[in-house]
Amino acid sequence: MSSRGKKKTTFAKLNRESKLRERRAEKQARKEARRMGPPEPAEVSETVPAEPLETVTTGPLEAAPAER
């Protein structure tokens, strides 16, 4: 059965309250994540050595002609 009384809370207020509850839940989750500490670093089993970089030589720099 539904209430015969007039609804006293607007949808805008209900939306604001739900957003506030969501923000508080997210904040609590972040707080608990910080409390748990940083995640353990992943173990690197094999590393591939980097190849030496190639150097490219170019000619002298030329100034671009000025546009008029």
PDB file of N, CA and C in Angstrom:
ATOM      1  N   MET A   1       0.832  -1.180   0.000  1.00  0.00           N
ATOM      2  CA  MET A   1       0.000   0.000   0.000  1.00  0.00           C
ATOM      3  C   MET A   1       0.877   1.245   0.000  1.00  0.00           C
ATOM      4  N   SER A   2       0.431   2.246  -0.710  1.00  0.00           N
ATOM      5  CA  SER A   2       1.217   3.470  -0.757  1.00  0.00           C
ATOM      6  C   SER A   2       0.676   4.483   0.245  1.00  0.00           C
ATOM      7  N   SER A   3       1.527   5.403   0.580  1.00  0.00           N
ATOM      8  CA  SER A   3       1.153   6.440   1.529  1.00  0.00           C
ATOM      9  C   SER A   3       0.253   7.465   0.835  1.00  0.00           C
ATOM     10  N   ARG A   4      -0.705   7.959   1.552  1.00  0.00           N
ATOM     11  CA  ARG A   4      -1.604   8.965   0.981  1.00  0.00           C
ATOM     12  C   ARG A   4      -1.037  10.377   1.160  1.00  0.00           C
ATOM     13  N   GLY A   5       0.024  10.501   1.907  1.00  0.00           N
ATOM     14  CA  GLY A   5       0.599  11.820   2.154  1.00  0.00           C
ATOM     15  C   GLY A   5       1.388  12.312   0.955  1.00  0.00           C
ATOM     16  N   LYS A   6       1.613  13.623   0.943  1.00  0.00           N
ATOM     17  CA  LYS A   6       2.360  14.240  -0.142  1.00  0.00           C
ATOM     18  C   LYS A   6       3.850  13.920   0.004  1.00  0.00           C
ATOM     19  N   LYS A   7       4.506  13.694  -1.143  1.00  0.00           N
ATOM     20  CA  LYS A   7       5.950  13.438  -1.134  1.00  0.00           C
ATOM     21  C   LYS A   7       6.657  14.714  -0.699  1.00  0.00           C
ATOM     22  N   LYS A   8       7.573  14.606   0.256  1.00  0.00           N
ATOM     23  CA  LYS A   8       8.192  15.797   0.829  1.00  0.00           C
ATOM     24  C   LYS A   8       9.633  16.014   0.375  1.00  0.00           C
ATOM     25  N   THR A   9      10.196  15.072  -0.357  1.00  0.00           N
ATOM     26  CA  THR A   9      11.577  15.212  -0.806  1.00  0.00           C
ATOM     27  C   THR A   9      11.603  15.259  -2.328  1.00  0.00           C
ATOM     28  N   THR A  10      12.311  16.265  -2.872  1.00  0.00           N
ATOM     29  CA  THR A  10      12.382  16.402  -4.325  1.00  0.00           C
ATOM     30  C   THR A  10      13.419  15.438  -4.878  1.00  0.00           C
ATOM     31  N   PHE A  11      13.296  15.172  -6.185  1.00  0.00           N
ATOM     32  CA  PHE A  11      14.266  14.292  -6.818  1.00  0.00           C
ATOM     33  C   PHE A  11      15.651  14.923  -6.824  1.00  0.00           C
ATOM     34  N   ALA A  12      15.728  16.233  -6.898  1.00  0.00           N
ATOM     35  CA  ALA A  12      17.034  16.904  -6.864  1.00  0.00           C
ATOM     36  C   ALA A  12      17.748  16.612  -5.555  1.00  0.00           C
ATOM     37  N   LYS A  13      17.004  16.671  -4.468  1.00  0.00           N
ATOM     38  CA  LYS A  13      17.614  16.382  -3.164  1.00  0.00           C
ATOM     39  C   LYS A  13      18.021  14.919  -3.080  1.00  0.00           C
ATOM     40  N   LEU A  14      17.163  14.021  -3.581  1.00  0.00           N
ATOM     41  CA  LEU A  14      17.508  12.595  -3.565  1.00  0.00           C
ATOM     42  C   LEU A  14      18.772  12.335  -4.390  1.00  0.00           C
ATOM     43  N   ASN A  15      18.900  13.008  -5.543  1.00  0.00           N
ATOM     44  CA  ASN A  15      20.095  12.852  -6.381  1.00  0.00           C
ATOM     45  C   ASN A  15      21.336  13.376  -5.678  1.00  0.00           C
ATOM     46  N   ARG A  16      21.226  14.530  -5.017  1.00  0.00           N
ATOM     47  CA  ARG A  16      22.378  15.081  -4.283  1.00  0.00           C
ATOM     48  C   ARG A  16      22.814  14.134  -3.186  1.00  0.00           C
ATOM     49  N   GLU A  17      21.858  13.587  -2.473  1.00  0.00           N
ATOM     50  CA  GLU A  17      22.194  12.669  -1.386  1.00  0.00           C
ATOM     51  C   GLU A  17      22.842  11.392  -1.900  1.00  0.00           C
ATOM     52  N   SER A  18      22.356  10.882  -3.038  1.00  0.00           N
ATOM     53  CA  SER A  18      22.956   9.652  -3.573  1.00  0.00           C
ATOM     54  C   SER A  18      24.384   9.906  -4.055  1.00  0.00           C
ATOM     55  N   LYS A  19      24.623  11.085  -4.681  1.00  0.00           N
ATOM     56  CA  LYS A  19      25.986  11.421  -5.108  1.00  0.00           C
ATOM     57  C   LYS A  19      26.916  11.541  -3.909  1.00  0.00           C
ATOM     58  N   LEU A  20      26.406  12.133  -2.835  1.00  0.00           N
ATOM     59  CA  LEU A  20      27.199  12.284  -1.624  1.00  0.00           C
ATOM     60  C   LEU A  20      27.569  10.916  -1.050  1.00  0.00           C
ATOM     61  N   ARG A  21      26.619   9.995  -1.030  1.00  0.00           N
ATOM     62  CA  ARG A  21      26.911   8.639  -0.536  1.00  0.00           C
ATOM     63  C   ARG A  21      27.961   7.962  -1.406  1.00  0.00           C
ATOM     64  N   GLU A  22      27.867   8.151  -2.739  1.00  0.00           N
ATOM     65  CA  GLU A  22      28.857   7.555  -3.644  1.00  0.00           C
ATOM     66  C   GLU A  22      30.246   8.129  -3.382  1.00  0.00           C
ATOM     67  N   ARG A  23      30.335   9.461  -3.226  1.00  0.00           N
ATOM     68  CA  ARG A  23      31.641  10.085  -2.966  1.00  0.00           C
ATOM     69  C   ARG A  23      32.241   9.592  -1.665  1.00  0.00           C
ATOM     70  N   ARG A  24      31.410   9.446  -0.646  1.00  0.00           N
ATOM     71  CA  ARG A  24      31.912   8.960   0.642  1.00  0.00           C
ATOM     72  C   ARG A  24      32.399   7.525   0.526  1.00  0.00           C
ATOM     73  N   ALA A  25      31.698   6.697  -0.251  1.00  0.00           N
ATOM     74  CA  ALA A  25      32.117   5.312  -0.431  1.00  0.00           C
ATOM     75  C   ALA A  25      33.452   5.247  -1.181  1.00  0.00           C
ATOM     76  N   GLU A  26      33.604   6.096  -2.226  1.00  0.00           N
ATOM     77  CA  GLU A  26      34.866   6.123  -2.973  1.00  0.00           C
ATOM     78  C   GLU A  26      36.009   6.595  -2.082  1.00  0.00           C
ATOM     79  N   LYS A  27      35.744   7.606  -1.268  1.00  0.00           N
ATOM     80  CA  LYS A  27      36.772   8.122  -0.364  1.00  0.00           C
ATOM     81  C   LYS A  27      37.198   7.050   0.629  1.00  0.00           C
ATOM     82  N   GLN A  28      36.227   6.303   1.157  1.00  0.00           N
ATOM     83  CA  GLN A  28      36.534   5.225   2.096  1.00  0.00           C
ATOM     84  C   GLN A  28      37.370   4.141   1.421  1.00  0.00           C
ATOM     85  N   ALA A  29      37.045   3.829   0.159  1.00  0.00           N
ATOM     86  CA  ALA A  29      37.809   2.814  -0.568  1.00  0.00           C
ATOM     87  C   ALA A  29      39.251   3.271  -0.776  1.00  0.00           C
ATOM     88  N   ARG A  30      39.437   4.557  -1.122  1.00  0.00           N
ATOM     89  CA  ARG A  30      40.802   5.076  -1.292  1.00  0.00           C
ATOM     90  C   ARG A  30      41.552   5.034   0.028  1.00  0.00           C
ATOM     91  N   LYS A  31      40.873   5.375   1.109  1.00  0.00           N
ATOM     92  CA  LYS A  31      41.497   5.377   2.428  1.00  0.00           C
ATOM     93  C   LYS A  31      41.955   3.969   2.805  1.00  0.00           C
ATOM     94  N   GLU A  32      41.104   2.976   2.564  1.00  0.00           N
ATOM     95  CA  GLU A  32      41.474   1.599   2.871  1.00  0.00           C
ATOM     96  C   GLU A  32      42.616   1.119   1.989  1.00  0.00           C
ATOM     97  N   ALA A  33      42.640   1.555   0.725  1.00  0.00           N
ATOM     98  CA  ALA A  33      43.723   1.163  -0.177  1.00  0.00           C
ATOM     99  C   ALA A  33      45.054   1.736   0.313  1.00  0.00           C
ATOM    100  N   ARG A  34      45.030   2.984   0.795  1.00  0.00           N
ATOM    101  CA  ARG A  34      46.271   3.575   1.336  1.00  0.00           C
ATOM    102  C   ARG A  34      46.709   2.836   2.585  1.00  0.00           C
ATOM    103  N   ARG A  35      45.747   2.445   3.401  1.00  0.00           N
ATOM    104  CA  ARG A  35      46.063   1.754   4.644  1.00  0.00           C
ATOM    105  C   ARG A  35      46.731   0.407   4.357  1.00  0.00           C
ATOM    106  N   MET A  36      46.332  -0.237   3.255  1.00  0.00           N
ATOM    107  CA  MET A  36      46.900  -1.530   2.893  1.00  0.00           C
ATOM    108  C   MET A  36      48.355  -1.391   2.453  1.00  0.00           C
ATOM    109  N   GLY A  37      48.772  -0.219   2.047  1.00  0.00           N
ATOM    110  CA  GLY A  37      50.144   0.006   1.632  1.00  0.00           C
ATOM    111  C   GLY A  37      50.259  -0.104   0.130  1.00  0.00           C
ATOM    112  N   PRO A  38      51.409   0.289  -0.377  1.00  0.00           N
ATOM    113  CA  PRO A  38      51.606   0.217  -1.828  1.00  0.00           C
ATOM    114  C   PRO A  38      51.630  -1.236  -2.288  1.00  0.00           C
ATOM    115  N   PRO A  39      51.204  -1.482  -3.515  1.00  0.00           N
ATOM    116  CA  PRO A  39      51.228  -2.856  -4.027  1.00  0.00           C
ATOM    117  C   PRO A  39      52.665  -3.350  -4.164  1.00  0.00           C
ATOM    118  N   GLU A  40      52.836  -4.624  -3.999  1.00  0.00           N
ATOM    119  CA  GLU A  40      54.162  -5.214  -4.128  1.00  0.00           C
ATOM    120  C   GLU A  40      54.623  -5.095  -5.581  1.00  0.00           C
ATOM    121  N   PRO A  41      55.879  -4.727  -5.809  1.00  0.00           N
ATOM    122  CA  PRO A  41      56.366  -4.616  -7.195  1.00  0.00           C
ATOM    123  C   PRO A  41      56.409  -5.994  -7.846  1.00  0.00           C
ATOM    124  N   ALA A  42      56.039  -6.029  -9.111  1.00  0.00           N
ATOM    125  CA  ALA A  42      56.049  -7.293  -9.849  1.00  0.00           C
ATOM    126  C   ALA A  42      57.496  -7.729 -10.058  1.00  0.00           C
ATOM    127  N   GLU A  43      57.719  -8.987  -9.935  1.00  0.00           N
ATOM    128  CA  GLU A  43      59.055  -9.527 -10.096  1.00  0.00           C
ATOM    129  C   GLU A  43      59.370  -9.675 -11.581  1.00  0.00           C
ATOM    130  N   VAL A  44      60.515  -9.182 -11.989  1.00  0.00           N
ATOM    131  CA  VAL A  44      60.927  -9.292 -13.383  1.00  0.00           C
ATOM    132  C   VAL A  44      61.842 -10.494 -13.485  1.00  0.00           C
ATOM    133  N   SER A  45      61.396 -11.509 -14.215  1.00  0.00           N
ATOM    134  CA  SER A  45      62.175 -12.736 -14.285  1.00  0.00           C
ATOM    135  C   SER A  45      63.331 -12.605 -15.281  1.00  0.00           C
ATOM    136  N   GLU A  46      63.057 -12.053 -16.438  1.00  0.00           N
ATOM    137  CA  GLU A  46      64.114 -11.895 -17.434  1.00  0.00           C
ATOM    138  C   GLU A  46      64.043 -10.499 -18.006  1.00  0.00           C
ATOM    139  N   THR A  47      65.207  -9.908 -18.196  1.00  0.00           N
ATOM    140  CA  THR A  47      65.240  -8.606 -18.830  1.00  0.00           C
ATOM    141  C   THR A  47      65.945  -8.738 -20.160  1.00  0.00           C
ATOM    142  N   VAL A  48      65.438  -8.035 -21.130  1.00  0.00           N
ATOM    143  CA  VAL A  48      66.034  -8.057 -22.456  1.00  0.00           C
ATOM    144  C   VAL A  48      66.965  -6.862 -22.543  1.00  0.00           C
ATOM    145  N   PRO A  49      68.241  -7.114 -22.865  1.00  0.00           N
ATOM    146  CA  PRO A  49      69.165  -5.981 -22.954  1.00  0.00           C
ATOM    147  C   PRO A  49      68.770  -5.066 -24.111  1.00  0.00           C
ATOM    148  N   ALA A  50      68.874  -3.781 -23.865  1.00  0.00           N
ATOM    149  CA  ALA A  50      68.540  -2.806 -24.892  1.00  0.00           C
ATOM    150  C   ALA A  50      69.650  -2.757 -25.929  1.00  0.00           C
ATOM    151  N   GLU A  51      69.253  -2.597 -27.175  1.00  0.00           N
ATOM    152  CA  GLU A  51      70.245  -2.470 -28.243  1.00  0.00           C
ATOM    153  C   GLU A  51      70.812  -1.063 -28.210  1.00  0.00           C
ATOM    154  N   PRO A  52      72.077  -0.918 -28.585  1.00  0.00           N
ATOM    155  CA  PRO A  52      72.659   0.426 -28.583  1.00  0.00           C
ATOM    156  C   PRO A  52      71.924   1.321 -29.577  1.00  0.00           C
ATOM    157  N   LEU A  53      71.797   2.580 -29.212  1.00  0.00           N
ATOM    158  CA  LEU A  53      71.125   3.531 -30.087  1.00  0.00           C
ATOM    159  C   LEU A  53      72.021   3.885 -31.258  1.00  0.00           C
ATOM    160  N   GLU A  54      71.390   4.051 -32.418  1.00  0.00           N
ATOM    161  CA  GLU A  54      72.151   4.460 -33.589  1.00  0.00           C
ATOM    162  C   GLU A  54      72.174   5.981 -33.646  1.00  0.00           C
ATOM    163  N   THR A  55      73.309   6.527 -33.986  1.00  0.00           N
ATOM    164  CA  THR A  55      73.393   7.970 -34.126  1.00  0.00           C
ATOM    165  C   THR A  55      73.264   8.319 -35.597  1.00  0.00           C
ATOM    166  N   VAL A  56      72.486   9.306 -35.867  1.00  0.00           N
ATOM    167  CA  VAL A  56      72.278   9.748 -37.236  1.00  0.00           C
ATOM    168  C   VAL A  56      72.878  11.128 -37.362  1.00  0.00           C
ATOM    169  N   THR A  57      73.751  11.271 -38.334  1.00  0.00           N
ATOM    170  CA  THR A  57      74.358  12.582 -38.543  1.00  0.00           C
ATOM    171  C   THR A  57      73.651  13.254 -39.706  1.00  0.00           C
ATOM    172  N   THR A  58      73.444  14.529 -39.570  1.00  0.00           N
ATOM    173  CA  THR A  58      72.795  15.295 -40.625  1.00  0.00           C
ATOM    174  C   THR A  58      73.701  16.435 -41.011  1.00  0.00           C
ATOM    175  N   GLY A  59      73.366  17.041 -42.107  1.00  0.00           N
ATOM    176  CA  GLY A  59      74.147  18.176 -42.582  1.00  0.00           C
ATOM    177  C   GLY A  59      73.844  19.400 -41.750  1.00  0.00           C
ATOM    178  N   PRO A  60      74.446  20.524 -42.117  1.00  0.00           N
ATOM    179  CA  PRO A  60      74.209  21.755 -41.364  1.00  0.00           C
ATOM    180  C   PRO A  60      72.738  22.166 -41.469  1.00  0.00           C
ATOM    181  N   LEU A  61      72.267  22.796 -40.436  1.00  0.00           N
ATOM    182  CA  LEU A  61      70.884  23.255 -40.423  1.00  0.00           C
ATOM    183  C   LEU A  61      70.737  24.436 -41.355  1.00  0.00           C
ATOM    184  N   GLU A  62      69.663  24.429 -42.131  1.00  0.00           N
ATOM    185  CA  GLU A  62      69.408  25.526 -43.039  1.00  0.00           C
ATOM    186  C   GLU A  62      68.195  26.294 -42.535  1.00  0.00           C
ATOM    187  N   ALA A  63      68.277  27.608 -42.601  1.00  0.00           N
ATOM    188  CA  ALA A  63      67.152  28.423 -42.172  1.00  0.00           C
ATOM    189  C   ALA A  63      66.091  28.410 -43.253  1.00  0.00           C
ATOM    190  N   ALA A  64      64.853  28.317 -42.841  1.00  0.00           N
ATOM    191  CA  ALA A  64      63.752  28.337 -43.787  1.00  0.00           C
ATOM    192  C   ALA A  64      63.587  29.762 -44.307  1.00  0.00           C
ATOM    193  N   PRO A  65      63.247  29.896 -45.608  1.00  0.00           N
ATOM    194  CA  PRO A  65      63.076  31.253 -46.144  1.00  0.00           C
ATOM    195  C   PRO A  65      61.885  31.941 -45.461  1.00  0.00           C
ATOM    196  N   ALA A  66      62.045  33.220 -45.197  1.00  0.00           N
ATOM    197  CA  ALA A  66      61.002  33.971 -44.519  1.00  0.00           C
ATOM    198  C   ALA A  66      59.849  34.224 -45.474  1.00  0.00           C
ATOM    199  N   GLU A  67      58.639  34.054 -44.996  1.00  0.00           N
ATOM    200  CA  GLU A  67      57.473  34.273 -45.843  1.00  0.00           C
ATOM    201  C   GLU A  67      57.088  35.744 -45.772  1.00  0.00           C
ATOM    202  N   ARG A  68      56.649  36.292 -46.898  1.00  0.00           N
ATOM    203  CA  ARG A  68      56.228  37.701 -46.914  1.00  0.00           C
ATOM    204  C   ARG A  68      54.836  37.799 -47.401  1.00  0.00           C
TER     205      ARG A  68
END
